[in-house]
C-alpha atoms as a PDB file:
ATOM      1  CA  MET A   1     114.196  66.847 103.635  1.00  0.00           C
ATOM      2  CA  PRO A   2     114.640  64.049 106.146  1.00  0.00           C
ATOM      3  CA  GLY A   3     116.934  64.903 109.022  1.00  0.00           C
ATOM      4  CA  ILE A   4     116.591  68.663 108.928  1.00  0.00           C
ATOM      5  CA  TYR A   5     114.852  68.767 112.327  1.00  0.00           C
ATOM      6  CA  LEU A   6     117.555  66.623 113.953  1.00  0.00           C
ATOM      7  CA  GLY A   7     120.189  68.769 112.254  1.00  0.00           C
ATOM      8  CA  ALA A   8     118.640  71.926 113.693  1.00  0.00           C
ATOM      9  CA  ILE A   9     118.599  70.432 117.188  1.00  0.00           C
ATOM     10  CA  LEU A  10     122.234  69.307 116.920  1.00  0.00           C
ATOM     11  CA  PHE A  11     123.257  72.701 115.543  1.00  0.00           C
ATOM     12  CA  SER A  12     121.540  74.399 118.486  1.00  0.00           C
ATOM     13  CA  LEU A  13     123.140  71.979 120.928  1.00  0.00           C
ATOM     14  CA  ALA A  14     126.571  72.722 119.453  1.00  0.00           C
ATOM     15  CA  GLY A  15     125.903  76.438 119.881  1.00  0.00           C
ATOM     16  CA  MET A  16     124.933  75.931 123.537  1.00  0.00           C
ATOM     17  CA  ILE A  17     128.089  73.909 124.143  1.00  0.00           C
ATOM     18  CA  ALA A  18     130.194  76.650 122.543  1.00  0.00           C
ATOM     19  CA  ILE A  19     128.579  79.339 124.717  1.00  0.00           C
ATOM     20  CA  ASP A  20     128.967  77.165 127.805  1.00  0.00           C
ATOM     21  CA  LEU A  21     132.641  76.474 127.151  1.00  0.00           C
ATOM     22  CA  LYS A  22     133.432  80.076 126.239  1.00  0.00           C
ATOM     23  CA  TYR A  23     131.993  81.491 129.460  1.00  0.00           C
ATOM     24  CA  GLY A  24     132.761  78.494 131.711  1.00  0.00           C
ATOM     25  CA  LEU A  25     129.149  78.064 132.765  1.00  0.00           C
ATOM     26  CA  ALA A  26     128.628  74.358 133.438  1.00  0.00           C
ATOM     27  CA  LEU A  27     130.502  71.813 131.336  1.00  0.00           C
ATOM     28  CA  ARG A  28     133.988  73.277 131.785  1.00  0.00           C
ATOM     29  CA  THR A  29     133.604  73.977 135.507  1.00  0.00           C
ATOM     30  CA  ALA A  30     131.802  70.771 136.555  1.00  0.00           C
ATOM     31  CA  PRO A  31     131.665  68.196 133.751  1.00  0.00           C
ATOM     32  CA  GLY A  32     130.483  65.318 135.947  1.00  0.00           C
ATOM     33  CA  ARG A  33     127.687  67.270 137.608  1.00  0.00           C
ATOM     34  CA  THR A  34     126.676  68.735 134.256  1.00  0.00           C
ATOM     35  CA  ALA A  35     126.466  65.298 132.646  1.00  0.00           C
ATOM     36  CA  LEU A  36     124.516  63.962 135.640  1.00  0.00           C
ATOM     37  CA  ALA A  37     122.058  66.878 135.665  1.00  0.00           C
ATOM     38  CA  VAL A  38     121.477  66.721 131.910  1.00  0.00           C
ATOM     39  CA  GLY A  39     121.156  62.931 132.029  1.00  0.00           C
ATOM     40  CA  LEU A  40     118.641  63.046 134.881  1.00  0.00           C
ATOM     41  CA  GLY A  41     116.671  65.827 133.204  1.00  0.00           C
ATOM     42  CA  THR A  42     116.567  63.919 129.934  1.00  0.00           C
ATOM     43  CA  ALA A  43     115.519  60.710 131.718  1.00  0.00           C
ATOM     44  CA  PHE A  44     112.752  62.587 133.561  1.00  0.00           C
ATOM     45  CA  PHE A  45     111.379  64.045 130.337  1.00  0.00           C
ATOM     46  CA  LEU A  46     111.614  60.662 128.569  1.00  0.00           C
ATOM     47  CA  ALA A  47     109.589  59.131 131.409  1.00  0.00           C
ATOM     48  CA  TRP A  48     107.114  62.010 131.063  1.00  0.00           C
ATOM     49  CA  ASP A  49     106.884  61.290 127.334  1.00  0.00           C
ATOM     50  CA  ALA A  50     106.375  57.579 128.026  1.00  0.00           C
ATOM     51  CA  VAL A  51     103.438  58.337 130.311  1.00  0.00           C
ATOM     52  CA  GLY A  52     102.010  60.693 127.703  1.00  0.00           C
ATOM     53  CA  ILE A  53     102.411  58.090 124.971  1.00  0.00           C
ATOM     54  CA  LEU A  54     100.893  55.291 127.064  1.00  0.00           C
ATOM     55  CA  THR A  55      97.883  57.426 127.969  1.00  0.00           C
ATOM     56  CA  GLY A  56      97.398  58.514 124.370  1.00  0.00           C
ATOM     57  CA  VAL A  57      98.121  62.180 125.060  1.00  0.00           C
ATOM     58  CA  PHE A  58     101.298  62.255 122.954  1.00  0.00           C
ATOM     59  CA  VAL A  59     101.295  60.951 119.407  1.00  0.00           C
ATOM     60  CA  LYS A  60     103.933  61.305 116.749  1.00  0.00           C
ATOM     61  CA  GLY A  61     102.827  63.355 113.806  1.00  0.00           C
ATOM     62  CA  ASP A  62     103.982  62.750 110.275  1.00  0.00           C
ATOM     63  CA  SER A  63     106.696  65.044 109.045  1.00  0.00           C
ATOM     64  CA  PRO A  64     109.134  64.782 106.175  1.00  0.00           C
ATOM     65  CA  LEU A  65     111.677  66.536 108.452  1.00  0.00           C
ATOM     66  CA  PHE A  66     112.083  63.482 110.729  1.00  0.00           C
ATOM     67  CA  VAL A  67     114.887  61.000 110.107  1.00  0.00           C
ATOM     68  CA  GLY A  68     112.386  58.166 110.341  1.00  0.00           C
ATOM     69  CA  ILE A  69     113.951  56.274 113.262  1.00  0.00           C
ATOM     70  CA  ASP A  70     111.616  55.562 116.158  1.00  0.00           C
ATOM     71  CA  LEU A  71     113.014  54.611 119.565  1.00  0.00           C
ATOM     72  CA  ALA A  72     109.549  53.408 120.587  1.00  0.00           C
ATOM     73  CA  PRO A  73     106.053  53.846 119.177  1.00  0.00           C
ATOM     74  CA  HIS A  74     105.377  57.595 118.901  1.00  0.00           C
ATOM     75  CA  LEU A  75     108.921  58.401 120.117  1.00  0.00           C
ATOM     76  CA  PRO A  76     111.121  59.578 117.256  1.00  0.00           C
ATOM     77  CA  LEU A  77     114.903  59.798 117.587  1.00  0.00           C
ATOM     78  CA  GLU A  78     114.631  63.584 117.402  1.00  0.00           C
ATOM     79  CA  GLU A  79     112.707  63.631 120.697  1.00  0.00           C
ATOM     80  CA  LEU A  80     115.678  62.194 122.594  1.00  0.00           C
ATOM     81  CA  PHE A  81     118.006  64.887 121.261  1.00  0.00           C
ATOM     82  CA  PHE A  82     115.425  67.610 121.844  1.00  0.00           C
ATOM     83  CA  LEU A  83     115.029  66.563 125.484  1.00  0.00           C
ATOM     84  CA  LEU A  84     118.801  66.446 125.885  1.00  0.00           C
ATOM     85  CA  PHE A  85     119.026  69.956 124.434  1.00  0.00           C
ATOM     86  CA  LEU A  86     116.153  71.179 126.623  1.00  0.00           C
ATOM     87  CA  SER A  87     117.780  69.848 129.794  1.00  0.00           C
ATOM     88  CA  TYR A  88     121.170  71.308 128.867  1.00  0.00           C
ATOM     89  CA  LEU A  89     119.636  74.667 127.930  1.00  0.00           C
ATOM     90  CA  ALA A  90     117.834  74.836 131.280  1.00  0.00           C
ATOM     91  CA  LEU A  91     121.067  74.094 133.143  1.00  0.00           C
ATOM     92  CA  VAL A  92     123.053  76.703 131.214  1.00  0.00           C
ATOM     93  CA  LEU A  93     120.365  79.363 131.672  1.00  0.00           C
ATOM     94  CA  TRP A  94     120.086  78.587 135.382  1.00  0.00           C
ATOM     95  CA  THR A  95     123.876  78.991 135.668  1.00  0.00           C
ATOM     96  CA  VAL A  96     123.777  82.325 133.816  1.00  0.00           C
ATOM     97  CA  PHE A  97     121.053  83.705 136.081  1.00  0.00           C
ATOM     98  CA  GLU A  98     122.737  82.340 139.216  1.00  0.00           C
ATOM     99  CA  ARG A  99     126.024  83.972 138.216  1.00  0.00           C
ATOM    100  CA  ALA A 100     124.237  87.294 137.577  1.00  0.00           C
ATOM    101  CA  ARG A 101     122.493  87.065 140.961  1.00  0.00           C
ATOM    102  CA  ARG A 102     125.775  86.433 142.780  1.00  0.00           C
ATOM    103  CA  GLN A 103     127.413  89.338 140.963  1.00  0.00           C
ATOM    104  CA  ARG A 104     124.531  91.656 141.900  1.00  0.00           C
ATOM    105  CA  ASN A 105     124.759  90.542 145.523  1.00  0.00           C
ATOM    106  CA  ALA A 106     128.520  91.093 145.583  1.00  0.00           C
ATOM    107  CA  GLU A 107     128.121  94.584 144.134  1.00  0.00           C
ATOM    108  CA  HIS A 108     125.388  95.333 146.663  1.00  0.00           C
ATOM    109  CA  ARG A 109     127.603  94.172 149.560  1.00  0.00           C
ATOM    110  CA  THR A 110     130.517  96.256 148.244  1.00  0.00           C
ATOM    111  CA  ARG A 111     128.282  99.327 148.026  1.00  0.00           C
ATOM    112  CA  ASP A 112     127.045  98.754 151.581  1.00  0.00           C
ATOM    113  CA  ASP A 113     130.634  98.389 152.844  1.00  0.00           C
ATOM    114  CA  VAL A 114     131.621 101.677 151.195  1.00  0.00           C
ATOM    115  CA  GLU A 115     128.596 103.468 152.639  1.00  0.00           C
ATOM    116  CA  GLU A 116     129.291 102.102 156.149  1.00  0.00           C
ATOM    117  CA  SER A 117     132.917 103.201 156.099  1.00  0.00           C
ATOM    118  CA  ALA A 118     132.124 106.725 154.863  1.00  0.00           C
ATOM    119  CA  PRO A 119     132.316 109.422 157.588  1.00  0.00           C
END
């Protein structure tokens, strides 16, 4: 079934956006920085792919799940959306872990303040 791979990527991307918006992780709190970070990450990985393609390391396999649109030789349309998803996923996960770290640090500081003020 052509397009099923792209559909799965877009479905996953929609899920990440929903999680991000629900918990205010990246897109809702800093839309410009989020777009810039995801854009730069995607561009970096596309450049990485280009080097891999030019050196013969990366080749596009045949799959009936691809839409059939190539952006360049050995670079299917699905790769662009996968790299976009990968960059966005990394940003959202980094934000989740950073938020958890800050919360742990705040709880640790609060505990230390309580212990210092105890007689």
